[in-house]
PDB file of all heavy atoms in Angstrom:
ATOM      1  N   ARG A   1     -26.254 -47.874  38.484  1.00  0.00           N
ATOM      2  CA  ARG A   1     -25.850 -47.466  37.139  1.00  0.00           C
ATOM      3  C   ARG A   1     -26.220 -46.009  36.908  1.00  0.00           C
ATOM      4  O   ARG A   1     -27.207 -45.503  37.454  1.00  0.00           O
ATOM      5  CB  ARG A   1     -26.485 -48.367  36.080  1.00  0.00           C
ATOM      6  CG  ARG A   1     -26.173 -49.841  36.297  1.00  0.00           C
ATOM      7  CD  ARG A   1     -26.612 -50.691  35.135  1.00  0.00           C
ATOM      8  NE  ARG A   1     -25.660 -50.596  34.029  1.00  0.00           N
ATOM      9  CZ  ARG A   1     -25.818 -51.228  32.873  1.00  0.00           C
ATOM     10  NH1 ARG A   1     -26.902 -51.955  32.659  1.00  0.00           N
ATOM     11  NH2 ARG A   1     -24.918 -51.140  31.916  1.00  0.00           N
ATOM     12  N   LEU A   2     -25.424 -45.318  36.095  1.00  0.00           N
ATOM     13  CA  LEU A   2     -25.593 -43.897  35.844  1.00  0.00           C
ATOM     14  C   LEU A   2     -25.997 -43.670  34.389  1.00  0.00           C
ATOM     15  O   LEU A   2     -25.937 -44.586  33.563  1.00  0.00           O
ATOM     16  CB  LEU A   2     -24.283 -43.168  36.167  1.00  0.00           C
ATOM     17  CG  LEU A   2     -23.867 -43.223  37.648  1.00  0.00           C
ATOM     18  CD1 LEU A   2     -22.484 -42.610  37.846  1.00  0.00           C
ATOM     19  CD2 LEU A   2     -24.889 -42.513  38.522  1.00  0.00           C
ATOM     20  N   PRO A   3     -26.404 -42.438  34.037  1.00  0.00           N
ATOM     21  CA  PRO A   3     -26.907 -42.203  32.679  1.00  0.00           C
ATOM     22  C   PRO A   3     -25.933 -42.570  31.572  1.00  0.00           C
ATOM     23  O   PRO A   3     -26.366 -42.933  30.472  1.00  0.00           O
ATOM     24  CB  PRO A   3     -27.193 -40.691  32.685  1.00  0.00           C
ATOM     25  CG  PRO A   3     -27.501 -40.372  34.109  1.00  0.00           C
ATOM     26  CD  PRO A   3     -26.603 -41.259  34.913  1.00  0.00           C
ATOM     27  N   TYR A   4     -24.634 -42.491  31.847  1.00  0.00           N
ATOM     28  CA  TYR A   4     -23.680 -42.822  30.793  1.00  0.00           C
ATOM     29  C   TYR A   4     -23.808 -44.257  30.317  1.00  0.00           C
ATOM     30  O   TYR A   4     -23.327 -44.611  29.227  1.00  0.00           O
ATOM     31  CB  TYR A   4     -22.244 -42.565  31.259  1.00  0.00           C
ATOM     32  CG  TYR A   4     -21.680 -43.610  32.212  1.00  0.00           C
ATOM     33  CD1 TYR A   4     -21.271 -44.857  31.745  1.00  0.00           C
ATOM     34  CD2 TYR A   4     -21.545 -43.351  33.566  1.00  0.00           C
ATOM     35  CE1 TYR A   4     -20.755 -45.815  32.605  1.00  0.00           C
ATOM     36  CE2 TYR A   4     -21.027 -44.299  34.440  1.00  0.00           C
ATOM     37  CZ  TYR A   4     -20.630 -45.529  33.954  1.00  0.00           C
ATOM     38  OH  TYR A   4     -20.120 -46.476  34.806  1.00  0.00           O
ATOM     39  N   ALA A   5     -24.460 -45.116  31.120  1.00  0.00           N
ATOM     40  CA  ALA A   5     -24.607 -46.528  30.737  1.00  0.00           C
ATOM     41  C   ALA A   5     -25.325 -46.684  29.408  1.00  0.00           C
ATOM     42  O   ALA A   5     -25.137 -47.687  28.706  1.00  0.00           O
ATOM     43  CB  ALA A   5     -25.351 -47.293  31.826  1.00  0.00           C
ATOM     44  N   SER A   6     -26.134 -45.709  29.037  1.00  0.00           N
ATOM     45  CA  SER A   6     -26.837 -45.752  27.757  1.00  0.00           C
ATOM     46  C   SER A   6     -25.950 -45.162  26.666  1.00  0.00           C
ATOM     47  O   SER A   6     -25.741 -43.948  26.599  1.00  0.00           O
ATOM     48  CB  SER A   6     -28.146 -44.960  27.845  1.00  0.00           C
ATOM     49  OG  SER A   6     -28.768 -44.886  26.578  1.00  0.00           O
ATOM     50  N   ILE A   7     -25.393 -46.038  25.817  1.00  0.00           N
ATOM     51  CA  ILE A   7     -24.657 -45.563  24.642  1.00  0.00           C
ATOM     52  C   ILE A   7     -25.690 -45.318  23.553  1.00  0.00           C
ATOM     53  O   ILE A   7     -26.173 -46.248  22.892  1.00  0.00           O
ATOM     54  CB  ILE A   7     -23.599 -46.580  24.180  1.00  0.00           C
ATOM     55  CG1 ILE A   7     -22.640 -46.922  25.324  1.00  0.00           C
ATOM     56  CG2 ILE A   7     -22.840 -46.032  22.969  1.00  0.00           C
ATOM     57  CD1 ILE A   7     -21.782 -45.780  25.804  1.00  0.00           C
ATOM     58  N   ASN A   8     -26.052 -44.064  23.380  1.00  0.00           N
ATOM     59  CA  ASN A   8     -27.081 -43.695  22.415  1.00  0.00           C
ATOM     60  C   ASN A   8     -26.498 -43.693  21.004  1.00  0.00           C
ATOM     61  O   ASN A   8     -25.414 -43.171  20.775  1.00  0.00           O
ATOM     62  CB  ASN A   8     -27.630 -42.304  22.727  1.00  0.00           C
ATOM     63  CG  ASN A   8     -28.301 -42.230  24.079  1.00  0.00           C
ATOM     64  OD1 ASN A   8     -28.811 -43.229  24.590  1.00  0.00           O
ATOM     65  ND2 ASN A   8     -28.310 -41.054  24.681  1.00  0.00           N
ATOM     66  N   LYS A   9     -27.234 -44.276  20.081  1.00  0.00           N
ATOM     67  CA  LYS A   9     -26.789 -44.275  18.694  1.00  0.00           C
ATOM     68  C   LYS A   9     -27.998 -44.277  17.771  1.00  0.00           C
ATOM     69  O   LYS A   9     -29.040 -44.851  18.088  1.00  0.00           O
ATOM     70  CB  LYS A   9     -25.890 -45.480  18.399  1.00  0.00           C
ATOM     71  CG  LYS A   9     -26.563 -46.842  18.530  1.00  0.00           C
ATOM     72  CD  LYS A   9     -25.531 -47.972  18.480  1.00  0.00           C
ATOM     73  CE  LYS A   9     -26.191 -49.339  18.442  1.00  0.00           C
ATOM     74  NZ  LYS A   9     -26.528 -49.793  17.109  1.00  0.00           N
ATOM     75  N   ILE A  10     -27.859 -43.609  16.671  1.00  0.00           N
ATOM     76  CA  ILE A  10     -28.845 -43.678  15.595  1.00  0.00           C
ATOM     77  C   ILE A  10     -28.368 -44.667  14.542  1.00  0.00           C
ATOM     78  O   ILE A  10     -29.158 -45.419  13.962  1.00  0.00           O
ATOM     79  CB  ILE A  10     -29.079 -42.292  14.967  1.00  0.00           C
ATOM     80  CG1 ILE A  10     -29.697 -41.331  15.995  1.00  0.00           C
ATOM     81  CG2 ILE A  10     -29.972 -42.400  13.739  1.00  0.00           C
ATOM     82  CD1 ILE A  10     -31.102 -41.706  16.448  1.00  0.00           C
ATOM     83  N   THR A  11     -27.071 -44.684  14.307  1.00  0.00           N
ATOM     84  CA  THR A  11     -26.455 -45.601  13.343  1.00  0.00           C
ATOM     85  C   THR A  11     -25.160 -46.138  13.938  1.00  0.00           C
ATOM     86  O   THR A  11     -24.612 -45.588  14.894  1.00  0.00           O
ATOM     87  CB  THR A  11     -26.144 -44.892  12.014  1.00  0.00           C
ATOM     88  OG1 THR A  11     -25.261 -43.804  12.281  1.00  0.00           O
ATOM     89  CG2 THR A  11     -27.403 -44.377  11.350  1.00  0.00           C
ATOM     90  N   SER A  12     -24.652 -47.214  13.341  1.00  0.00           N
ATOM     91  CA  SER A  12     -23.345 -47.761  13.689  1.00  0.00           C
ATOM     92  C   SER A  12     -22.823 -48.478  12.450  1.00  0.00           C
ATOM     93  O   SER A  12     -23.488 -48.491  11.398  1.00  0.00           O
ATOM     94  CB  SER A  12     -23.445 -48.725  14.879  1.00  0.00           C
ATOM     95  OG  SER A  12     -24.218 -49.867  14.531  1.00  0.00           O
ATOM     96  N   HIS A  13     -21.651 -49.095  12.562  1.00  0.00           N
ATOM     97  CA  HIS A  13     -21.111 -49.825  11.416  1.00  0.00           C
ATOM     98  C   HIS A  13     -22.084 -50.884  10.924  1.00  0.00           C
ATOM     99  O   HIS A  13     -22.119 -51.207   9.739  1.00  0.00           O
ATOM    100  CB  HIS A  13     -19.783 -50.483  11.801  1.00  0.00           C
ATOM    101  CG  HIS A  13     -19.940 -51.641  12.738  1.00  0.00           C
ATOM    102  ND1 HIS A  13     -20.006 -51.506  14.113  1.00  0.00           N
ATOM    103  CD2 HIS A  13     -20.073 -52.976  12.501  1.00  0.00           C
ATOM    104  CE1 HIS A  13     -20.158 -52.690  14.669  1.00  0.00           C
ATOM    105  NE2 HIS A  13     -20.202 -53.607  13.717  1.00  0.00           N
ATOM    106  N   ASP A  14     -22.868 -51.442  11.827  1.00  0.00           N
ATOM    107  CA  ASP A  14     -23.800 -52.530  11.521  1.00  0.00           C
ATOM    108  C   ASP A  14     -25.161 -51.932  11.178  1.00  0.00           C
ATOM    109  O   ASP A  14     -25.979 -51.689  12.060  1.00  0.00           O
ATOM    110  CB  ASP A  14     -23.903 -53.458  12.740  1.00  0.00           C
ATOM    111  CG  ASP A  14     -24.676 -54.724  12.433  1.00  0.00           C
ATOM    112  OD1 ASP A  14     -25.132 -54.881  11.285  1.00  0.00           O
ATOM    113  OD2 ASP A  14     -24.831 -55.551  13.345  1.00  0.00           O
ATOM    114  N   GLY A  15     -25.401 -51.690   9.888  1.00  0.00           N
ATOM    115  CA  GLY A  15     -26.670 -51.106   9.472  1.00  0.00           C
ATOM    116  C   GLY A  15     -26.467 -49.991   8.464  1.00  0.00           C
ATOM    117  O   GLY A  15     -25.378 -49.790   7.925  1.00  0.00           O
ATOM    118  N   PHE A  16     -27.545 -49.251   8.209  1.00  0.00           N
ATOM    119  CA  PHE A  16     -27.485 -48.118   7.297  1.00  0.00           C
ATOM    120  C   PHE A  16     -26.621 -46.999   7.875  1.00  0.00           C
ATOM    121  O   PHE A  16     -26.574 -46.794   9.085  1.00  0.00           O
ATOM    122  CB  PHE A  16     -28.884 -47.549   7.055  1.00  0.00           C
ATOM    123  CG  PHE A  16     -29.719 -48.298   6.058  1.00  0.00           C
ATOM    124  CD1 PHE A  16     -31.084 -48.469   6.277  1.00  0.00           C
ATOM    125  CD2 PHE A  16     -29.178 -48.797   4.891  1.00  0.00           C
ATOM    126  CE1 PHE A  16     -31.878 -49.143   5.361  1.00  0.00           C
ATOM    127  CE2 PHE A  16     -29.964 -49.467   3.965  1.00  0.00           C
ATOM    128  CZ  PHE A  16     -31.315 -49.643   4.205  1.00  0.00           C
ATOM    129  N   THR A  17     -25.961 -46.242   7.005  1.00  0.00           N
ATOM    130  CA  THR A  17     -25.428 -44.945   7.404  1.00  0.00           C
ATOM    131  C   THR A  17     -26.603 -43.985   7.561  1.00  0.00           C
ATOM    132  O   THR A  17     -27.736 -44.280   7.148  1.00  0.00           O
ATOM    133  CB  THR A  17     -24.459 -44.389   6.354  1.00  0.00           C
ATOM    134  OG1 THR A  17     -25.207 -44.074   5.159  1.00  0.00           O
ATOM    135  CG2 THR A  17     -23.358 -45.401   6.020  1.00  0.00           C
ATOM    136  N   LEU A  18     -26.345 -42.808   8.111  1.00  0.00           N
ATOM    137  CA  LEU A  18     -27.428 -41.838   8.302  1.00  0.00           C
ATOM    138  C   LEU A  18     -28.028 -41.413   6.965  1.00  0.00           C
ATOM    139  O   LEU A  18     -29.253 -41.322   6.828  1.00  0.00           O
ATOM    140  CB  LEU A  18     -26.894 -40.623   9.061  1.00  0.00           C
ATOM    141  CG  LEU A  18     -27.912 -39.515   9.317  1.00  0.00           C
ATOM    142  CD1 LEU A  18     -29.058 -40.010  10.194  1.00  0.00           C
ATOM    143  CD2 LEU A  18     -27.234 -38.309   9.974  1.00  0.00           C
ATOM    144  N   ARG A  19     -27.192 -41.161   5.982  1.00  0.00           N
ATOM    145  CA  ARG A  19     -27.725 -40.744   4.680  1.00  0.00           C
ATOM    146  C   ARG A  19     -28.568 -41.845   4.064  1.00  0.00           C
ATOM    147  O   ARG A  19     -29.636 -41.581   3.483  1.00  0.00           O
ATOM    148  CB  ARG A  19     -26.584 -40.371   3.733  1.00  0.00           C
ATOM    149  CG  ARG A  19     -27.093 -39.806   2.412  1.00  0.00           C
ATOM    150  CD  ARG A  19     -25.963 -39.427   1.494  1.00  0.00           C
ATOM    151  NE  ARG A  19     -26.459 -38.926   0.213  1.00  0.00           N
ATOM    152  CZ  ARG A  19     -25.712 -38.739  -0.863  1.00  0.00           C
ATOM    153  NH1 ARG A  19     -24.400 -39.002  -0.808  1.00  0.00           N
ATOM    154  NH2 ARG A  19     -26.238 -38.305  -1.989  1.00  0.00           N
ATOM    155  N   ASP A  20     -28.125 -43.085   4.181  1.00  0.00           N
ATOM    156  CA  ASP A  20     -28.905 -44.193   3.633  1.00  0.00           C
ATOM    157  C   ASP A  20     -30.192 -44.404   4.409  1.00  0.00           C
ATOM    158  O   ASP A  20     -31.209 -44.827   3.844  1.00  0.00           O
ATOM    159  CB  ASP A  20     -28.073 -45.468   3.630  1.00  0.00           C
ATOM    160  CG  ASP A  20     -26.950 -45.436   2.607  1.00  0.00           C
ATOM    161  OD1 ASP A  20     -26.908 -44.490   1.801  1.00  0.00           O
ATOM    162  OD2 ASP A  20     -26.107 -46.343   2.627  1.00  0.00           O
ATOM    163  N   LEU A  21     -30.164 -44.104   5.689  1.00  0.00           N
ATOM    164  CA  LEU A  21     -31.352 -44.264   6.523  1.00  0.00           C
ATOM    165  C   LEU A  21     -32.504 -43.391   6.028  1.00  0.00           C
ATOM    166  O   LEU A  21     -33.677 -43.770   6.138  1.00  0.00           O
ATOM    167  CB  LEU A  21     -31.011 -43.910   7.977  1.00  0.00           C
ATOM    168  CG  LEU A  21     -32.052 -44.209   9.039  1.00  0.00           C
ATOM    169  CD1 LEU A  21     -32.241 -45.710   9.231  1.00  0.00           C
ATOM    170  CD2 LEU A  21     -31.667 -43.550  10.364  1.00  0.00           C
ATOM    171  N   VAL A  22     -32.174 -42.226   5.475  1.00  0.00           N
ATOM    172  CA  VAL A  22     -33.224 -41.325   4.993  1.00  0.00           C
ATOM    173  C   VAL A  22     -33.388 -41.407   3.480  1.00  0.00           C
ATOM    174  O   VAL A  22     -34.127 -40.606   2.899  1.00  0.00           O
ATOM    175  CB  VAL A  22     -32.938 -39.868   5.424  1.00  0.00           C
ATOM    176  CG1 VAL A  22     -32.903 -39.764   6.940  1.00  0.00           C
ATOM    177  CG2 VAL A  22     -31.641 -39.347   4.814  1.00  0.00           C
ATOM    178  N   SER A  23     -32.713 -42.382   2.835  1.00  0.00           N
ATOM    179  CA  SER A  23     -32.768 -42.494   1.375  1.00  0.00           C
ATOM    180  C   SER A  23     -33.257 -43.842   0.873  1.00  0.00           C
ATOM    181  O   SER A  23     -33.531 -43.991  -0.323  1.00  0.00           O
ATOM    182  CB  SER A  23     -31.372 -42.236   0.777  1.00  0.00           C
ATOM    183  OG  SER A  23     -30.873 -40.979   1.167  1.00  0.00           O
ATOM    184  N   PHE A  24     -33.345 -44.838   1.751  1.00  0.00           N
ATOM    185  CA  PHE A  24     -33.719 -46.190   1.333  1.00  0.00           C
ATOM    186  C   PHE A  24     -34.764 -46.773   2.284  1.00  0.00           C
ATOM    187  O   PHE A  24     -34.627 -46.673   3.502  1.00  0.00           O
ATOM    188  CB  PHE A  24     -32.493 -47.112   1.327  1.00  0.00           C
ATOM    189  CG  PHE A  24     -31.441 -46.749   0.322  1.00  0.00           C
ATOM    190  CD1 PHE A  24     -30.405 -45.880   0.656  1.00  0.00           C
ATOM    191  CD2 PHE A  24     -31.486 -47.263  -0.968  1.00  0.00           C
ATOM    192  CE1 PHE A  24     -29.429 -45.545  -0.262  1.00  0.00           C
ATOM    193  CE2 PHE A  24     -30.512 -46.934  -1.897  1.00  0.00           C
ATOM    194  CZ  PHE A  24     -29.481 -46.065  -1.551  1.00  0.00           C
ATOM    195  N   ASN A  25     -35.782 -47.369   1.699  1.00  0.00           N
ATOM    196  CA  ASN A  25     -36.743 -48.142   2.492  1.00  0.00           C
ATOM    197  C   ASN A  25     -36.297 -49.589   2.647  1.00  0.00           C
ATOM    198  O   ASN A  25     -36.710 -50.269   3.592  1.00  0.00           O
ATOM    199  CB  ASN A  25     -38.130 -48.117   1.849  1.00  0.00           C
ATOM    200  CG  ASN A  25     -38.871 -46.816   2.112  1.00  0.00           C
ATOM    201  OD1 ASN A  25     -38.385 -45.945   2.825  1.00  0.00           O
ATOM    202  ND2 ASN A  25     -40.052 -46.682   1.510  1.00  0.00           N
ATOM    203  N   GLN A  26     -35.501 -50.063   1.699  1.00  0.00           N
ATOM    204  CA  GLN A  26     -35.073 -51.457   1.695  1.00  0.00           C
ATOM    205  C   GLN A  26     -33.546 -51.529   1.683  1.00  0.00           C
ATOM    206  O   GLN A  26     -32.871 -50.642   1.164  1.00  0.00           O
ATOM    207  CB  GLN A  26     -35.623 -52.193   0.455  1.00  0.00           C
ATOM    208  CG  GLN A  26     -37.121 -52.033   0.244  1.00  0.00           C
ATOM    209  CD  GLN A  26     -37.939 -52.652   1.350  1.00  0.00           C
ATOM    210  OE1 GLN A  26     -37.518 -53.636   1.952  1.00  0.00           O
ATOM    211  NE2 GLN A  26     -39.108 -52.097   1.616  1.00  0.00           N
ATOM    212  N   LYS A  27     -33.005 -52.616   2.224  1.00  0.00           N
ATOM    213  CA  LYS A  27     -31.563 -52.865   2.136  1.00  0.00           C
ATOM    214  C   LYS A  27     -31.214 -53.268   0.706  1.00  0.00           C
ATOM    215  O   LYS A  27     -32.036 -53.837  -0.028  1.00  0.00           O
ATOM    216  CB  LYS A  27     -31.164 -53.968   3.119  1.00  0.00           C
ATOM    217  CG  LYS A  27     -31.830 -55.309   2.818  1.00  0.00           C
ATOM    218  CD  LYS A  27     -31.535 -56.351   3.881  1.00  0.00           C
ATOM    219  CE  LYS A  27     -32.222 -57.680   3.529  1.00  0.00           C
ATOM    220  NZ  LYS A  27     -32.004 -58.718   4.547  1.00  0.00           N
ATOM    221  N   HIS A  28     -29.983 -52.988   0.315  1.00  0.00           N
ATOM    222  CA  HIS A  28     -29.500 -53.316  -1.027  1.00  0.00           C
ATOM    223  C   HIS A  28     -28.110 -53.949  -0.882  1.00  0.00           C
ATOM    224  O   HIS A  28     -27.084 -53.309  -1.122  1.00  0.00           O
ATOM    225  CB  HIS A  28     -29.460 -52.062  -1.907  1.00  0.00           C
ATOM    226  CG  HIS A  28     -30.817 -51.481  -2.156  1.00  0.00           C
ATOM    227  ND1 HIS A  28     -31.570 -51.801  -3.260  1.00  0.00           N
ATOM    228  CD2 HIS A  28     -31.574 -50.633  -1.416  1.00  0.00           C
ATOM    229  CE1 HIS A  28     -32.727 -51.151  -3.214  1.00  0.00           C
ATOM    230  NE2 HIS A  28     -32.758 -50.438  -2.096  1.00  0.00           N
ATOM    231  N   ASN A  29     -28.100 -55.232  -0.497  1.00  0.00           N
ATOM    232  CA  ASN A  29     -26.866 -55.927  -0.144  1.00  0.00           C
ATOM    233  C   ASN A  29     -26.437 -56.954  -1.194  1.00  0.00           C
ATOM    234  O   ASN A  29     -25.745 -57.918  -0.876  1.00  0.00           O
ATOM    235  CB  ASN A  29     -27.031 -56.638   1.209  1.00  0.00           C
ATOM    236  CG  ASN A  29     -27.362 -55.687   2.331  1.00  0.00           C
ATOM    237  OD1 ASN A  29     -27.315 -54.472   2.168  1.00  0.00           O
ATOM    238  ND2 ASN A  29     -27.689 -56.224   3.493  1.00  0.00           N
ATOM    239  N   GLN A  30     -26.844 -56.758  -2.431  1.00  0.00           N
ATOM    240  CA  GLN A  30     -26.558 -57.755  -3.465  1.00  0.00           C
ATOM    241  C   GLN A  30     -25.059 -58.019  -3.617  1.00  0.00           C
ATOM    242  O   GLN A  30     -24.647 -59.152  -3.930  1.00  0.00           O
ATOM    243  CB  GLN A  30     -27.147 -57.300  -4.801  1.00  0.00           C
ATOM    244  CG  GLN A  30     -28.665 -57.396  -4.889  1.00  0.00           C
ATOM    245  CD  GLN A  30     -29.379 -56.213  -4.241  1.00  0.00           C
ATOM    246  OE1 GLN A  30     -28.730 -55.284  -3.747  1.00  0.00           O
ATOM    247  NE2 GLN A  30     -30.705 -56.224  -4.253  1.00  0.00           N
ATOM    248  N   ALA A  31     -24.229 -57.028  -3.385  1.00  0.00           N
ATOM    249  CA  ALA A  31     -22.786 -57.199  -3.568  1.00  0.00           C
ATOM    250  C   ALA A  31     -22.177 -58.163  -2.560  1.00  0.00           C
ATOM    251  O   ALA A  31     -21.042 -58.615  -2.749  1.00  0.00           O
ATOM    252  CB  ALA A  31     -22.088 -55.839  -3.460  1.00  0.00           C
ATOM    253  N   ASN A  32     -22.916 -58.516  -1.520  1.00  0.00           N
ATOM    254  CA  ASN A  32     -22.372 -59.397  -0.481  1.00  0.00           C
ATOM    255  C   ASN A  32     -22.415 -60.873  -0.849  1.00  0.00           C
ATOM    256  O   ASN A  32     -21.913 -61.711  -0.103  1.00  0.00           O
ATOM    257  CB  ASN A  32     -23.134 -59.193   0.832  1.00  0.00           C
ATOM    258  CG  ASN A  32     -22.954 -57.799   1.398  1.00  0.00           C
ATOM    259  OD1 ASN A  32     -22.187 -57.002   0.876  1.00  0.00           O
ATOM    260  ND2 ASN A  32     -23.674 -57.500   2.474  1.00  0.00           N
ATOM    261  N   GLY A  33     -23.052 -61.207  -1.956  1.00  0.00           N
ATOM    262  CA  GLY A  33     -23.054 -62.591  -2.415  1.00  0.00           C
ATOM    263  C   GLY A  33     -24.047 -63.495  -1.712  1.00  0.00           C
ATOM    264  O   GLY A  33     -23.926 -64.717  -1.778  1.00  0.00           O
ATOM    265  N   GLU A  34     -25.046 -62.918  -1.048  1.00  0.00           N
ATOM    266  CA  GLU A  34     -26.046 -63.727  -0.339  1.00  0.00           C
ATOM    267  C   GLU A  34     -27.460 -63.423  -0.818  1.00  0.00           C
ATOM    268  O   GLU A  34     -28.426 -63.591  -0.075  1.00  0.00           O
ATOM    269  CB  GLU A  34     -25.934 -63.502   1.171  1.00  0.00           C
ATOM    270  CG  GLU A  34     -24.585 -63.915   1.747  1.00  0.00           C
ATOM    271  CD  GLU A  34     -24.518 -63.759   3.254  1.00  0.00           C
ATOM    272  OE1 GLU A  34     -25.468 -64.198   3.940  1.00  0.00           O
ATOM    273  OE2 GLU A  34     -23.522 -63.204   3.750  1.00  0.00           O
ATOM    274  N   GLN A  35     -27.571 -62.958  -2.065  1.00  0.00           N
ATOM    275  CA  GLN A  35     -28.868 -62.671  -2.681  1.00  0.00           C
ATOM    276  C   GLN A  35     -29.724 -61.726  -1.834  1.00  0.00           C
ATOM    277  O   GLN A  35     -30.941 -61.866  -1.744  1.00  0.00           O
ATOM    278  CB  GLN A  35     -29.652 -63.964  -2.967  1.00  0.00           C
ATOM    279  CG  GLN A  35     -29.045 -64.839  -4.059  1.00  0.00           C
ATOM    280  CD  GLN A  35     -27.811 -65.595  -3.581  1.00  0.00           C
ATOM    281  OE1 GLN A  35     -27.837 -66.266  -2.547  1.00  0.00           O
ATOM    282  NE2 GLN A  35     -26.725 -65.495  -4.334  1.00  0.00           N
ATOM    283  N   ASN A  36     -29.060 -60.795  -1.179  1.00  0.00           N
ATOM    284  CA  ASN A  36     -29.739 -59.768  -0.370  1.00  0.00           C
ATOM    285  C   ASN A  36     -30.482 -60.353   0.835  1.00  0.00           C
ATOM    286  O   ASN A  36     -31.364 -59.718   1.396  1.00  0.00           O
ATOM    287  CB  ASN A  36     -30.714 -58.943  -1.231  1.00  0.00           C
ATOM    288  CG  ASN A  36     -30.950 -57.550  -0.659  1.00  0.00           C
ATOM    289  OD1 ASN A  36     -30.055 -56.939  -0.084  1.00  0.00           O
ATOM    290  ND2 ASN A  36     -32.166 -57.053  -0.816  1.00  0.00           N
ATOM    291  N   ARG A  37     -30.102 -61.574   1.244  1.00  0.00           N
ATOM    292  CA  ARG A  37     -30.751 -62.181   2.415  1.00  0.00           C
ATOM    293  C   ARG A  37     -30.112 -61.730   3.725  1.00  0.00           C
ATOM    294  O   ARG A  37     -30.719 -61.865   4.783  1.00  0.00           O
ATOM    295  CB  ARG A  37     -30.693 -63.709   2.314  1.00  0.00           C
ATOM    296  CG  ARG A  37     -31.512 -64.316   1.184  1.00  0.00           C
ATOM    297  CD  ARG A  37     -31.621 -65.828   1.341  1.00  0.00           C
ATOM    298  NE  ARG A  37     -30.305 -66.453   1.310  1.00  0.00           N
ATOM    299  CZ  ARG A  37     -29.748 -66.974   0.227  1.00  0.00           C
ATOM    300  NH1 ARG A  37     -30.399 -66.924  -0.932  1.00  0.00           N
ATOM    301  NH2 ARG A  37     -28.546 -67.529   0.265  1.00  0.00           N
ATOM    302  N   ASP A  38     -28.880 -61.256   3.664  1.00  0.00           N
ATOM    303  CA  ASP A  38     -28.172 -60.866   4.878  1.00  0.00           C
ATOM    304  C   ASP A  38     -28.567 -59.452   5.294  1.00  0.00           C
ATOM    305  O   ASP A  38     -29.158 -58.700   4.529  1.00  0.00           O
ATOM    306  CB  ASP A  38     -26.662 -60.940   4.657  1.00  0.00           C
ATOM    307  CG  ASP A  38     -26.208 -59.979   3.564  1.00  0.00           C
ATOM    308  OD1 ASP A  38     -26.799 -60.012   2.461  1.00  0.00           O
ATOM    309  OD2 ASP A  38     -25.288 -59.181   3.809  1.00  0.00           O
ATOM    310  N   GLY A  39     -28.231 -59.094   6.522  1.00  0.00           N
ATOM    311  CA  GLY A  39     -28.538 -57.764   7.016  1.00  0.00           C
ATOM    312  C   GLY A  39     -29.951 -57.672   7.552  1.00  0.00           C
ATOM    313  O   GLY A  39     -30.829 -58.473   7.226  1.00  0.00           O
ATOM    314  N   ASN A  40     -30.176 -56.672   8.375  1.00  0.00           N
ATOM    315  CA  ASN A  40     -31.473 -56.476   9.023  1.00  0.00           C
ATOM    316  C   ASN A  40     -32.496 -55.939   8.025  1.00  0.00           C
ATOM    317  O   ASN A  40     -32.217 -55.008   7.276  1.00  0.00           O
ATOM    318  CB  ASN A  40     -31.319 -55.496  10.197  1.00  0.00           C
ATOM    319  CG  ASN A  40     -32.491 -55.537  11.145  1.00  0.00           C
ATOM    320  OD1 ASN A  40     -33.584 -55.955  10.788  1.00  0.00           O
ATOM    321  ND2 ASN A  40     -32.266 -55.093  12.369  1.00  0.00           N
ATOM    322  N   SER A  41     -33.671 -56.536   8.025  1.00  0.00           N
ATOM    323  CA  SER A  41     -34.740 -56.064   7.131  1.00  0.00           C
ATOM    324  C   SER A  41     -35.678 -55.080   7.817  1.00  0.00           C
ATOM    325  O   SER A  41     -36.569 -54.528   7.178  1.00  0.00           O
ATOM    326  CB  SER A  41     -35.552 -57.260   6.605  1.00  0.00           C
ATOM    327  OG  SER A  41     -34.744 -58.121   5.830  1.00  0.00           O
ATOM    328  N   ASN A  42     -35.480 -54.861   9.104  1.00  0.00           N
ATOM    329  CA  ASN A  42     -36.350 -53.958   9.866  1.00  0.00           C
ATOM    330  C   ASN A  42     -35.511 -52.779  10.340  1.00  0.00           C
ATOM    331  O   ASN A  42     -34.974 -52.774  11.443  1.00  0.00           O
ATOM    332  CB  ASN A  42     -36.967 -54.699  11.056  1.00  0.00           C
ATOM    333  CG  ASN A  42     -38.041 -53.892  11.735  1.00  0.00           C
ATOM    334  OD1 ASN A  42     -38.565 -52.941  11.172  1.00  0.00           O
ATOM    335  ND2 ASN A  42     -38.358 -54.243  12.972  1.00  0.00           N
ATOM    336  N   ASN A  43     -35.417 -51.763   9.481  1.00  0.00           N
ATOM    337  CA  ASN A  43     -34.475 -50.665   9.727  1.00  0.00           C
ATOM    338  C   ASN A  43     -35.120 -49.371  10.210  1.00  0.00           C
ATOM    339  O   ASN A  43     -34.409 -48.427  10.535  1.00  0.00           O
ATOM    340  CB  ASN A  43     -33.693 -50.374   8.446  1.00  0.00           C
ATOM    341  CG  ASN A  43     -32.833 -51.536   8.013  1.00  0.00           C
ATOM    342  OD1 ASN A  43     -31.796 -51.799   8.602  1.00  0.00           O
ATOM    343  ND2 ASN A  43     -33.263 -52.249   6.977  1.00  0.00           N
ATOM    344  N   TYR A  44     -36.442 -49.291  10.231  1.00  0.00           N
ATOM    345  CA  TYR A  44     -37.140 -48.052  10.597  1.00  0.00           C
ATOM    346  C   TYR A  44     -36.616 -46.875   9.766  1.00  0.00           C
ATOM    347  O   TYR A  44     -36.458 -45.760  10.267  1.00  0.00           O
ATOM    348  CB  TYR A  44     -36.980 -47.751  12.093  1.00  0.00           C
ATOM    349  CG  TYR A  44     -37.484 -48.850  12.989  1.00  0.00           C
ATOM    350  CD1 TYR A  44     -36.594 -49.746  13.576  1.00  0.00           C
ATOM    351  CD2 TYR A  44     -38.839 -48.999  13.252  1.00  0.00           C
ATOM    352  CE1 TYR A  44     -37.040 -50.764  14.400  1.00  0.00           C
ATOM    353  CE2 TYR A  44     -39.297 -50.018  14.079  1.00  0.00           C
ATOM    354  CZ  TYR A  44     -38.394 -50.897  14.648  1.00  0.00           C
ATOM    355  OH  TYR A  44     -38.846 -51.902  15.464  1.00  0.00           O
TER     356      TYR A  44
END
């Protein structure tokens, strides 16, 4: 395997955007209808 095998990412569709990553400590998914239980709670 070569170095390209590592697809490096800080963000993706699944998770915070970059701006949200530096603006929120907690997820805010109330609009999804699951009482904010969905989504990753460990976002660094």
